[in-house]
PDB file of N, CA and C in Angstrom:
ATOM      1  N   GLY A   1     -44.319 -38.079 -24.254  1.00  0.00           N
ATOM      2  CA  GLY A   1     -43.110 -38.533 -24.891  1.00  0.00           C
ATOM      3  C   GLY A   1     -43.386 -39.524 -26.000  1.00  0.00           C
ATOM      4  N   ILE A   2     -44.453 -40.293 -25.874  1.00  0.00           N
ATOM      5  CA  ILE A   2     -44.753 -41.316 -26.870  1.00  0.00           C
ATOM      6  C   ILE A   2     -45.155 -40.649 -28.187  1.00  0.00           C
ATOM      7  N   LYS A   3     -45.942 -39.578 -28.112  1.00  0.00           N
ATOM      8  CA  LYS A   3     -46.410 -38.915 -29.325  1.00  0.00           C
ATOM      9  C   LYS A   3     -45.267 -38.236 -30.090  1.00  0.00           C
ATOM     10  N   LEU A   4     -44.283 -37.701 -29.376  1.00  0.00           N
ATOM     11  CA  LEU A   4     -43.168 -37.018 -30.033  1.00  0.00           C
ATOM     12  C   LEU A   4     -42.171 -38.005 -30.636  1.00  0.00           C
ATOM     13  N   GLY A   5     -42.025 -39.134 -29.997  1.00  0.00           N
ATOM     14  CA  GLY A   5     -41.022 -40.094 -30.442  1.00  0.00           C
ATOM     15  C   GLY A   5     -39.643 -39.681 -29.943  1.00  0.00           C
ATOM     16  N   THR A   6     -38.689 -40.564 -30.155  1.00  0.00           N
ATOM     17  CA  THR A   6     -37.328 -40.318 -29.659  1.00  0.00           C
ATOM     18  C   THR A   6     -36.731 -39.066 -30.278  1.00  0.00           C
ATOM     19  N   GLY A   7     -36.815 -38.929 -31.593  1.00  0.00           N
ATOM     20  CA  GLY A   7     -36.247 -37.752 -32.268  1.00  0.00           C
ATOM     21  C   GLY A   7     -36.898 -36.458 -31.826  1.00  0.00           C
ATOM     22  N   GLY A   8     -38.201 -36.478 -31.644  1.00  0.00           N
ATOM     23  CA  GLY A   8     -38.924 -35.285 -31.196  1.00  0.00           C
ATOM     24  C   GLY A   8     -38.532 -34.870 -29.798  1.00  0.00           C
ATOM     25  N   LEU A   9     -38.354 -35.861 -28.916  1.00  0.00           N
ATOM     26  CA  LEU A   9     -37.914 -35.557 -27.552  1.00  0.00           C
ATOM     27  C   LEU A   9     -36.511 -34.957 -27.548  1.00  0.00           C
ATOM     28  N   VAL A  10     -35.630 -35.530 -28.349  1.00  0.00           N
ATOM     29  CA  VAL A  10     -34.252 -35.016 -28.419  1.00  0.00           C
ATOM     30  C   VAL A  10     -34.271 -33.566 -28.889  1.00  0.00           C
ATOM     31  N   ARG A  11     -35.039 -33.272 -29.928  1.00  0.00           N
ATOM     32  CA  ARG A  11     -35.113 -31.897 -30.442  1.00  0.00           C
ATOM     33  C   ARG A  11     -35.727 -30.955 -29.401  1.00  0.00           C
ATOM     34  N   ALA A  12     -36.786 -31.386 -28.737  1.00  0.00           N
ATOM     35  CA  ALA A  12     -37.461 -30.534 -27.745  1.00  0.00           C
ATOM     36  C   ALA A  12     -36.539 -30.217 -26.572  1.00  0.00           C
ATOM     37  N   TYR A  13     -35.910 -31.244 -26.004  1.00  0.00           N
ATOM     38  CA  TYR A  13     -35.002 -31.012 -24.880  1.00  0.00           C
ATOM     39  C   TYR A  13     -33.758 -30.239 -25.320  1.00  0.00           C
ATOM     40  N   GLY A  14     -33.229 -30.584 -26.486  1.00  0.00           N
ATOM     41  CA  GLY A  14     -32.050 -29.883 -26.997  1.00  0.00           C
ATOM     42  C   GLY A  14     -32.318 -28.410 -27.197  1.00  0.00           C
ATOM     43  N   ASN A  15     -33.471 -28.082 -27.763  1.00  0.00           N
ATOM     44  CA  ASN A  15     -33.849 -26.689 -27.986  1.00  0.00           C
ATOM     45  C   ASN A  15     -34.016 -25.960 -26.643  1.00  0.00           C
ATOM     46  N   GLY A  16     -34.630 -26.620 -25.682  1.00  0.00           N
ATOM     47  CA  GLY A  16     -34.817 -26.020 -24.353  1.00  0.00           C
ATOM     48  C   GLY A  16     -33.489 -25.718 -23.685  1.00  0.00           C
ATOM     49  N   VAL A  17     -32.558 -26.646 -23.785  1.00  0.00           N
ATOM     50  CA  VAL A  17     -31.234 -26.449 -23.175  1.00  0.00           C
ATOM     51  C   VAL A  17     -30.502 -25.307 -23.873  1.00  0.00           C
ATOM     52  N   GLN A  18     -30.555 -25.261 -25.199  1.00  0.00           N
ATOM     53  CA  GLN A  18     -29.894 -24.179 -25.935  1.00  0.00           C
ATOM     54  C   GLN A  18     -30.441 -22.820 -25.524  1.00  0.00           C
ATOM     55  N   GLN A  19     -31.743 -22.706 -25.378  1.00  0.00           N
ATOM     56  CA  GLN A  19     -32.341 -21.436 -24.968  1.00  0.00           C
ATOM     57  C   GLN A  19     -31.917 -21.056 -23.557  1.00  0.00           C
ATOM     58  N   ALA A  20     -31.878 -22.035 -22.662  1.00  0.00           N
ATOM     59  CA  ALA A  20     -31.465 -21.757 -21.282  1.00  0.00           C
ATOM     60  C   ALA A  20     -30.004 -21.315 -21.229  1.00  0.00           C
ATOM     61  N   LEU A  21     -29.133 -21.961 -22.003  1.00  0.00           N
ATOM     62  CA  LEU A  21     -27.716 -21.594 -22.013  1.00  0.00           C
ATOM     63  C   LEU A  21     -27.494 -20.185 -22.543  1.00  0.00           C
ATOM     64  N   LYS A  22     -28.287 -19.755 -23.485  1.00  0.00           N
ATOM     65  CA  LYS A  22     -28.168 -18.402 -24.021  1.00  0.00           C
ATOM     66  C   LYS A  22     -28.500 -17.352 -22.970  1.00  0.00           C
ATOM     67  N   LEU A  23     -29.355 -17.695 -22.022  1.00  0.00           N
ATOM     68  CA  LEU A  23     -29.778 -16.749 -20.999  1.00  0.00           C
ATOM     69  C   LEU A  23     -28.809 -16.672 -19.818  1.00  0.00           C
ATOM     70  N   LEU A  24     -27.990 -17.679 -19.647  1.00  0.00           N
ATOM     71  CA  LEU A  24     -27.086 -17.714 -18.509  1.00  0.00           C
ATOM     72  C   LEU A  24     -25.920 -16.752 -18.690  1.00  0.00           C
ATOM     73  N   PRO A  25     -25.552 -16.033 -17.626  1.00  0.00           N
ATOM     74  CA  PRO A  25     -24.359 -15.182 -17.716  1.00  0.00           C
ATOM     75  C   PRO A  25     -23.108 -16.069 -17.736  1.00  0.00           C
ATOM     76  N   THR A  26     -22.118 -15.630 -18.480  1.00  0.00           N
ATOM     77  CA  THR A  26     -20.870 -16.395 -18.545  1.00  0.00           C
ATOM     78  C   THR A  26     -19.721 -15.535 -18.039  1.00  0.00           C
ATOM     79  N   LYS A  27     -18.713 -16.195 -17.515  1.00  0.00           N
ATOM     80  CA  LYS A  27     -17.512 -15.535 -17.034  1.00  0.00           C
ATOM     81  C   LYS A  27     -16.310 -16.303 -17.546  1.00  0.00           C
ATOM     82  N   THR A  28     -15.251 -15.570 -17.817  1.00  0.00           N
ATOM     83  CA  THR A  28     -13.998 -16.211 -18.165  1.00  0.00           C
ATOM     84  C   THR A  28     -13.249 -16.458 -16.869  1.00  0.00           C
ATOM     85  N   LYS A  29     -12.873 -17.689 -16.627  1.00  0.00           N
ATOM     86  CA  LYS A  29     -12.153 -18.022 -15.409  1.00  0.00           C
ATOM     87  C   LYS A  29     -10.658 -17.894 -15.672  1.00  0.00           C
ATOM     88  N   VAL A  30     -10.000 -17.064 -14.870  1.00  0.00           N
ATOM     89  CA  VAL A  30      -8.571 -16.819 -15.006  1.00  0.00           C
ATOM     90  C   VAL A  30      -7.863 -17.542 -13.860  1.00  0.00           C
ATOM     91  N   PRO A  31      -6.927 -18.447 -14.176  1.00  0.00           N
ATOM     92  CA  PRO A  31      -6.193 -19.139 -13.111  1.00  0.00           C
ATOM     93  C   PRO A  31      -5.460 -18.139 -12.211  1.00  0.00           C
ATOM     94  N   GLN A  32      -5.611 -18.320 -10.915  1.00  0.00           N
ATOM     95  CA  GLN A  32      -5.016 -17.420  -9.925  1.00  0.00           C
ATOM     96  C   GLN A  32      -3.948 -18.156  -9.126  1.00  0.00           C
ATOM     97  N   ARG A  33      -3.011 -17.381  -8.595  1.00  0.00           N
ATOM     98  CA  ARG A  33      -2.012 -17.918  -7.661  1.00  0.00           C
ATOM     99  C   ARG A  33      -1.944 -16.976  -6.468  1.00  0.00           C
ATOM    100  N   ARG A  34      -1.626 -17.538  -5.311  1.00  0.00           N
ATOM    101  CA  ARG A  34      -1.551 -16.748  -4.080  1.00  0.00           C
ATOM    102  C   ARG A  34      -0.096 -16.418  -3.754  1.00  0.00           C
ATOM    103  N   PHE A  35       0.103 -15.188  -3.260  1.00  0.00           N
ATOM    104  CA  PHE A  35       1.441 -14.710  -2.929  1.00  0.00           C
ATOM    105  C   PHE A  35       1.403 -13.931  -1.625  1.00  0.00           C
ATOM    106  N   LEU A  36       2.561 -13.842  -0.995  1.00  0.00           N
ATOM    107  CA  LEU A  36       2.781 -12.920   0.125  1.00  0.00           C
ATOM    108  C   LEU A  36       3.731 -11.845  -0.364  1.00  0.00           C
ATOM    109  N   VAL A  37       3.525 -10.634   0.115  1.00  0.00           N
ATOM    110  CA  VAL A  37       4.463  -9.550  -0.163  1.00  0.00           C
ATOM    111  C   VAL A  37       4.510  -8.654   1.068  1.00  0.00           C
ATOM    112  N   GLU A  38       5.701  -8.189   1.392  1.00  0.00           N
ATOM    113  CA  GLU A  38       5.893  -7.320   2.542  1.00  0.00           C
ATOM    114  C   GLU A  38       6.392  -5.979   2.028  1.00  0.00           C
ATOM    115  N   CYS A  39       5.870  -4.888   2.611  1.00  0.00           N
ATOM    116  CA  CYS A  39       6.313  -3.566   2.166  1.00  0.00           C
ATOM    117  C   CYS A  39       6.274  -2.566   3.309  1.00  0.00           C
ATOM    118  N   GLU A  40       6.911  -1.446   3.064  1.00  0.00           N
ATOM    119  CA  GLU A  40       6.888  -0.327   3.997  1.00  0.00           C
ATOM    120  C   GLU A  40       5.530   0.365   3.900  1.00  0.00           C
ATOM    121  N   TYR A  41       5.133   1.041   4.957  1.00  0.00           N
ATOM    122  CA  TYR A  41       3.860   1.758   4.965  1.00  0.00           C
ATOM    123  C   TYR A  41       3.778   2.767   3.814  1.00  0.00           C
ATOM    124  N   SER A  42       4.893   3.401   3.493  1.00  0.00           N
ATOM    125  CA  SER A  42       4.898   4.430   2.454  1.00  0.00           C
ATOM    126  C   SER A  42       4.606   3.874   1.064  1.00  0.00           C
ATOM    127  N   LEU A  43       4.725   2.552   0.881  1.00  0.00           N
ATOM    128  CA  LEU A  43       4.512   1.939  -0.429  1.00  0.00           C
ATOM    129  C   LEU A  43       3.152   1.252  -0.577  1.00  0.00           C
ATOM    130  N   VAL A  44       2.349   1.278   0.462  1.00  0.00           N
ATOM    131  CA  VAL A  44       1.071   0.554   0.444  1.00  0.00           C
ATOM    132  C   VAL A  44       0.173   1.015  -0.703  1.00  0.00           C
ATOM    133  N   SER A  45       0.011   2.322  -0.878  1.00  0.00           N
ATOM    134  CA  SER A  45      -0.893   2.797  -1.935  1.00  0.00           C
ATOM    135  C   SER A  45      -0.370   2.433  -3.322  1.00  0.00           C
ATOM    136  N   LEU A  46       0.940   2.482  -3.534  1.00  0.00           N
ATOM    137  CA  LEU A  46       1.500   2.069  -4.822  1.00  0.00           C
ATOM    138  C   LEU A  46       1.281   0.580  -5.065  1.00  0.00           C
ATOM    139  N   LEU A  47       1.469  -0.227  -4.035  1.00  0.00           N
ATOM    140  CA  LEU A  47       1.229  -1.666  -4.156  1.00  0.00           C
ATOM    141  C   LEU A  47      -0.233  -1.924  -4.513  1.00  0.00           C
ATOM    142  N   GLU A  48      -1.147  -1.248  -3.840  1.00  0.00           N
ATOM    143  CA  GLU A  48      -2.578  -1.425  -4.110  1.00  0.00           C
ATOM    144  C   GLU A  48      -2.913  -1.057  -5.556  1.00  0.00           C
ATOM    145  N   GLN A  49      -2.285   0.003  -6.082  1.00  0.00           N
ATOM    146  CA  GLN A  49      -2.520   0.409  -7.471  1.00  0.00           C
ATOM    147  C   GLN A  49      -2.050  -0.659  -8.453  1.00  0.00           C
ATOM    148  N   VAL A  50      -0.870  -1.232  -8.194  1.00  0.00           N
ATOM    149  CA  VAL A  50      -0.334  -2.269  -9.083  1.00  0.00           C
ATOM    150  C   VAL A  50      -1.225  -3.508  -9.046  1.00  0.00           C
ATOM    151  N   ILE A  51      -1.652  -3.908  -7.875  1.00  0.00           N
ATOM    152  CA  ILE A  51      -2.514  -5.082  -7.732  1.00  0.00           C
ATOM    153  C   ILE A  51      -3.820  -4.863  -8.502  1.00  0.00           C
ATOM    154  N   ALA A  52      -4.410  -3.685  -8.368  1.00  0.00           N
ATOM    155  CA  ALA A  52      -5.655  -3.377  -9.077  1.00  0.00           C
ATOM    156  C   ALA A  52      -5.427  -3.339 -10.588  1.00  0.00           C
ATOM    157  N   GLU A  53      -4.299  -2.787 -11.012  1.00  0.00           N
ATOM    158  CA  GLU A  53      -3.990  -2.681 -12.442  1.00  0.00           C
ATOM    159  C   GLU A  53      -3.968  -4.053 -13.120  1.00  0.00           C
ATOM    160  N   TYR A  54      -3.525  -5.068 -12.397  1.00  0.00           N
ATOM    161  CA  TYR A  54      -3.429  -6.419 -12.954  1.00  0.00           C
ATOM    162  C   TYR A  54      -4.566  -7.333 -12.500  1.00  0.00           C
ATOM    163  N   GLN A  55      -5.668  -6.746 -12.048  1.00  0.00           N
ATOM    164  CA  GLN A  55      -6.866  -7.463 -11.626  1.00  0.00           C
ATOM    165  C   GLN A  55      -6.582  -8.474 -10.507  1.00  0.00           C
ATOM    166  N   GLY A  56      -5.678  -8.119  -9.624  1.00  0.00           N
ATOM    167  CA  GLY A  56      -5.394  -8.952  -8.459  1.00  0.00           C
ATOM    168  C   GLY A  56      -6.293  -8.561  -7.302  1.00  0.00           C
ATOM    169  N   LYS A  57      -6.217  -9.327  -6.241  1.00  0.00           N
ATOM    170  CA  LYS A  57      -7.015  -9.045  -5.047  1.00  0.00           C
ATOM    171  C   LYS A  57      -6.134  -9.175  -3.811  1.00  0.00           C
ATOM    172  N   ILE A  58      -6.384  -8.303  -2.856  1.00  0.00           N
ATOM    173  CA  ILE A  58      -5.732  -8.416  -1.557  1.00  0.00           C
ATOM    174  C   ILE A  58      -6.636  -9.283  -0.693  1.00  0.00           C
ATOM    175  N   LEU A  59      -6.133 -10.444  -0.293  1.00  0.00           N
ATOM    176  CA  LEU A  59      -6.930 -11.391   0.487  1.00  0.00           C
ATOM    177  C   LEU A  59      -6.881 -11.087   1.978  1.00  0.00           C
ATOM    178  N   SER A  60      -5.712 -10.639   2.446  1.00  0.00           N
ATOM    179  CA  SER A  60      -5.581 -10.284   3.857  1.00  0.00           C
ATOM    180  C   SER A  60      -4.376  -9.364   4.027  1.00  0.00           C
ATOM    181  N   SER A  61      -4.328  -8.690   5.149  1.00  0.00           N
ATOM    182  CA  SER A  61      -3.198  -7.812   5.438  1.00  0.00           C
ATOM    183  C   SER A  61      -2.895  -7.855   6.923  1.00  0.00           C
ATOM    184  N   GLU A  62      -1.618  -7.654   7.222  1.00  0.00           N
ATOM    185  CA  GLU A  62      -1.179  -7.633   8.613  1.00  0.00           C
ATOM    186  C   GLU A  62      -0.244  -6.445   8.787  1.00  0.00           C
ATOM    187  N   TYR A  63      -0.579  -5.580   9.737  1.00  0.00           N
ATOM    188  CA  TYR A  63       0.188  -4.358   9.964  1.00  0.00           C
ATOM    189  C   TYR A  63       1.015  -4.510  11.232  1.00  0.00           C
ATOM    190  N   THR A  64       2.323  -4.539  11.050  1.00  0.00           N
ATOM    191  CA  THR A  64       3.265  -4.551  12.175  1.00  0.00           C
ATOM    192  C   THR A  64       4.253  -3.422  11.892  1.00  0.00           C
ATOM    193  N   ASP A  65       5.557  -3.663  12.062  1.00  0.00           N
ATOM    194  CA  ASP A  65       6.524  -2.626  11.687  1.00  0.00           C
ATOM    195  C   ASP A  65       6.538  -2.431  10.174  1.00  0.00           C
ATOM    196  N   LYS A  66       6.103  -3.448   9.432  1.00  0.00           N
ATOM    197  CA  LYS A  66       5.889  -3.376   7.984  1.00  0.00           C
ATOM    198  C   LYS A  66       4.493  -3.922   7.713  1.00  0.00           C
ATOM    199  N   VAL A  67       4.071  -3.880   6.456  1.00  0.00           N
ATOM    200  CA  VAL A  67       2.754  -4.393   6.095  1.00  0.00           C
ATOM    201  C   VAL A  67       2.959  -5.649   5.249  1.00  0.00           C
ATOM    202  N   THR A  68       2.264  -6.727   5.634  1.00  0.00           N
ATOM    203  CA  THR A  68       2.335  -7.975   4.883  1.00  0.00           C
ATOM    204  C   THR A  68       0.960  -8.236   4.279  1.00  0.00           C
ATOM    205  N   PHE A  69       0.957  -8.471   2.979  1.00  0.00           N
ATOM    206  CA  PHE A  69      -0.281  -8.748   2.264  1.00  0.00           C
ATOM    207  C   PHE A  69      -0.264 -10.167   1.715  1.00  0.00           C
ATOM    208  N   GLU A  70      -1.425 -10.808   1.768  1.00  0.00           N
ATOM    209  CA  GLU A  70      -1.636 -12.040   1.015  1.00  0.00           C
ATOM    210  C   GLU A  70      -2.445 -11.630  -0.208  1.00  0.00           C
ATOM    211  N   LEU A  71      -1.931 -11.993  -1.385  1.00  0.00           N
ATOM    212  CA  LEU A  71      -2.528 -11.565  -2.645  1.00  0.00           C
ATOM    213  C   LEU A  71      -2.985 -12.741  -3.478  1.00  0.00           C
ATOM    214  N   SER A  72      -3.955 -12.497  -4.320  1.00  0.00           N
ATOM    215  CA  SER A  72      -4.347 -13.436  -5.363  1.00  0.00           C
ATOM    216  C   SER A  72      -4.134 -12.695  -6.680  1.00  0.00           C
ATOM    217  N   LEU A  73      -3.304 -13.276  -7.547  1.00  0.00           N
ATOM    218  CA  LEU A  73      -2.977 -12.639  -8.820  1.00  0.00           C
ATOM    219  C   LEU A  73      -3.228 -13.597  -9.967  1.00  0.00           C
ATOM    220  N   PRO A  74      -3.603 -13.063 -11.140  1.00  0.00           N
ATOM    221  CA  PRO A  74      -3.679 -13.932 -12.311  1.00  0.00           C
ATOM    222  C   PRO A  74      -2.305 -14.565 -12.546  1.00  0.00           C
ATOM    223  N   ALA A  75      -2.271 -15.876 -12.704  1.00  0.00           N
ATOM    224  CA  ALA A  75      -1.002 -16.595 -12.822  1.00  0.00           C
ATOM    225  C   ALA A  75      -0.141 -16.053 -13.954  1.00  0.00           C
ATOM    226  N   VAL A  76      -0.761 -15.694 -15.067  1.00  0.00           N
ATOM    227  CA  VAL A  76       0.015 -15.233 -16.219  1.00  0.00           C
ATOM    228  C   VAL A  76       0.599 -13.833 -16.019  1.00  0.00           C
ATOM    229  N   GLU A  77       0.107 -13.099 -15.038  1.00  0.00           N
ATOM    230  CA  GLU A  77       0.578 -11.734 -14.797  1.00  0.00           C
ATOM    231  C   GLU A  77       1.575 -11.642 -13.642  1.00  0.00           C
ATOM    232  N   SER A  78       1.819 -12.719 -12.919  1.00  0.00           N
ATOM    233  CA  SER A  78       2.604 -12.634 -11.687  1.00  0.00           C
ATOM    234  C   SER A  78       4.026 -12.129 -11.917  1.00  0.00           C
ATOM    235  N   GLU A  79       4.662 -12.503 -13.013  1.00  0.00           N
ATOM    236  CA  GLU A  79       6.025 -12.017 -13.279  1.00  0.00           C
ATOM    237  C   GLU A  79       6.038 -10.524 -13.551  1.00  0.00           C
ATOM    238  N   LYS A  80       5.042 -10.034 -14.288  1.00  0.00           N
ATOM    239  CA  LYS A  80       4.946  -8.597 -14.559  1.00  0.00           C
ATOM    240  C   LYS A  80       4.719  -7.822 -13.264  1.00  0.00           C
ATOM    241  N   VAL A  81       3.833  -8.350 -12.417  1.00  0.00           N
ATOM    242  CA  VAL A  81       3.535  -7.690 -11.141  1.00  0.00           C
ATOM    243  C   VAL A  81       4.791  -7.648 -10.282  1.00  0.00           C
ATOM    244  N   GLU A  82       5.496  -8.771 -10.196  1.00  0.00           N
ATOM    245  CA  GLU A  82       6.707  -8.804  -9.370  1.00  0.00           C
ATOM    246  C   GLU A  82       7.741  -7.812  -9.884  1.00  0.00           C
ATOM    247  N   SER A  83       7.917  -7.738 -11.182  1.00  0.00           N
ATOM    248  CA  SER A  83       8.877  -6.798 -11.759  1.00  0.00           C
ATOM    249  C   SER A  83       8.498  -5.358 -11.440  1.00  0.00           C
ATOM    250  N   LYS A  84       7.230  -5.047 -11.572  1.00  0.00           N
ATOM    251  CA  LYS A  84       6.757  -3.686 -11.300  1.00  0.00           C
ATOM    252  C   LYS A  84       6.917  -3.333  -9.820  1.00  0.00           C
ATOM    253  N   LEU A  85       6.603  -4.289  -8.938  1.00  0.00           N
ATOM    254  CA  LEU A  85       6.755  -4.038  -7.504  1.00  0.00           C
ATOM    255  C   LEU A  85       8.218  -3.822  -7.136  1.00  0.00           C
ATOM    256  N   ARG A  86       9.103  -4.608  -7.735  1.00  0.00           N
ATOM    257  CA  ARG A  86      10.537  -4.430  -7.490  1.00  0.00           C
ATOM    258  C   ARG A  86      10.988  -3.047  -7.943  1.00  0.00           C
ATOM    259  N   ASP A  87      10.487  -2.614  -9.108  1.00  0.00           N
ATOM    260  CA  ASP A  87      10.870  -1.298  -9.635  1.00  0.00           C
ATOM    261  C   ASP A  87      10.416  -0.163  -8.726  1.00  0.00           C
ATOM    262  N   ILE A  88       9.158  -0.187  -8.301  1.00  0.00           N
ATOM    263  CA  ILE A  88       8.643   0.924  -7.493  1.00  0.00           C
ATOM    264  C   ILE A  88       9.211   0.928  -6.079  1.00  0.00           C
ATOM    265  N   SER A  89       9.713  -0.218  -5.624  1.00  0.00           N
ATOM    266  CA  SER A  89      10.228  -0.304  -4.252  1.00  0.00           C
ATOM    267  C   SER A  89      11.752  -0.331  -4.203  1.00  0.00           C
ATOM    268  N   ARG A  90      12.377  -0.168  -5.365  1.00  0.00           N
ATOM    269  CA  ARG A  90      13.847  -0.247  -5.476  1.00  0.00           C
ATOM    270  C   ARG A  90      14.368  -1.574  -4.933  1.00  0.00           C
ATOM    271  N   GLY A  91      13.631  -2.625  -5.260  1.00  0.00           N
ATOM    272  CA  GLY A  91      14.071  -3.980  -4.929  1.00  0.00           C
ATOM    273  C   GLY A  91      13.641  -4.522  -3.584  1.00  0.00           C
ATOM    274  N   SER A  92      12.936  -3.737  -2.785  1.00  0.00           N
ATOM    275  CA  SER A  92      12.593  -4.225  -1.443  1.00  0.00           C
ATOM    276  C   SER A  92      11.357  -5.127  -1.413  1.00  0.00           C
ATOM    277  N   MET A  93      10.476  -5.023  -2.417  1.00  0.00           N
ATOM    278  CA  MET A  93       9.285  -5.875  -2.440  1.00  0.00           C
ATOM    279  C   MET A  93       9.514  -7.067  -3.362  1.00  0.00           C
ATOM    280  N   GLN A  94       9.213  -8.246  -2.826  1.00  0.00           N
ATOM    281  CA  GLN A  94       9.304  -9.465  -3.621  1.00  0.00           C
ATOM    282  C   GLN A  94       8.089 -10.325  -3.327  1.00  0.00           C
ATOM    283  N   LEU A  95       7.564 -10.952  -4.374  1.00  0.00           N
ATOM    284  CA  LEU A  95       6.441 -11.864  -4.202  1.00  0.00           C
ATOM    285  C   LEU A  95       6.955 -13.214  -3.728  1.00  0.00           C
ATOM    286  N   ILE A  96       6.289 -13.761  -2.727  1.00  0.00           N
ATOM    287  CA  ILE A  96       6.607 -15.109  -2.237  1.00  0.00           C
ATOM    288  C   ILE A  96       5.410 -15.980  -2.574  1.00  0.00           C
ATOM    289  N   CYS A  97       5.631 -16.947  -3.449  1.00  0.00           N
ATOM    290  CA  CYS A  97       4.544 -17.797  -3.906  1.00  0.00           C
ATOM    291  C   CYS A  97       4.109 -18.748  -2.799  1.00  0.00           C
ATOM    292  N   LEU A  98       2.805 -18.844  -2.564  1.00  0.00           N
ATOM    293  CA  LEU A  98       2.259 -19.743  -1.547  1.00  0.00           C
ATOM    294  C   LEU A  98       1.795 -21.053  -2.132  1.00  0.00           C
ATOM    295  N   GLU A  99       1.838 -21.167  -3.464  1.00  0.00           N
ATOM    296  CA  GLU A  99       1.385 -22.384  -4.137  1.00  0.00           C
ATOM    297  C   GLU A  99       2.448 -22.815  -5.131  1.00  0.00           C
ATOM    298  N   PRO A 100       2.695 -24.113  -5.212  1.00  0.00           N
ATOM    299  CA  PRO A 100       3.651 -24.575  -6.218  1.00  0.00           C
ATOM    300  C   PRO A 100       3.111 -24.340  -7.631  1.00  0.00           C
ATOM    301  N   ASN A 101       4.018 -24.147  -8.563  1.00  0.00           N
ATOM    302  CA  ASN A 101       3.632 -23.951  -9.957  1.00  0.00           C
ATOM    303  C   ASN A 101       3.092 -25.247 -10.516  1.00  0.00           C
ATOM    304  N   GLU A 102       1.862 -25.213 -11.046  1.00  0.00           N
ATOM    305  CA  GLU A 102       1.235 -26.435 -11.544  1.00  0.00           C
ATOM    306  C   GLU A 102       1.466 -26.597 -13.017  1.00  0.00           C
TER     307      GLU A 102
END
């Protein structure tokens, strides 16, 4: 470090960090919100298609007389998803938000 001096060390470490950052994979983080939705068995495959279309995930499911899903959806898409689910179910499916709007 003495031979390089302060400026040389800054350039050497800075260059090393820049090279390492270029090699790292990056991801865009999309804010998610959790919801519950209940549906009839006959609508499960349609619900799964809508969730996949909007890059959502089914976190859990419970099968009783109806099917209840816990979902994770991109926050910006939740209104579109809810509208589409209402349309395909003739109003019987509604998203119930599990997290307050931040």
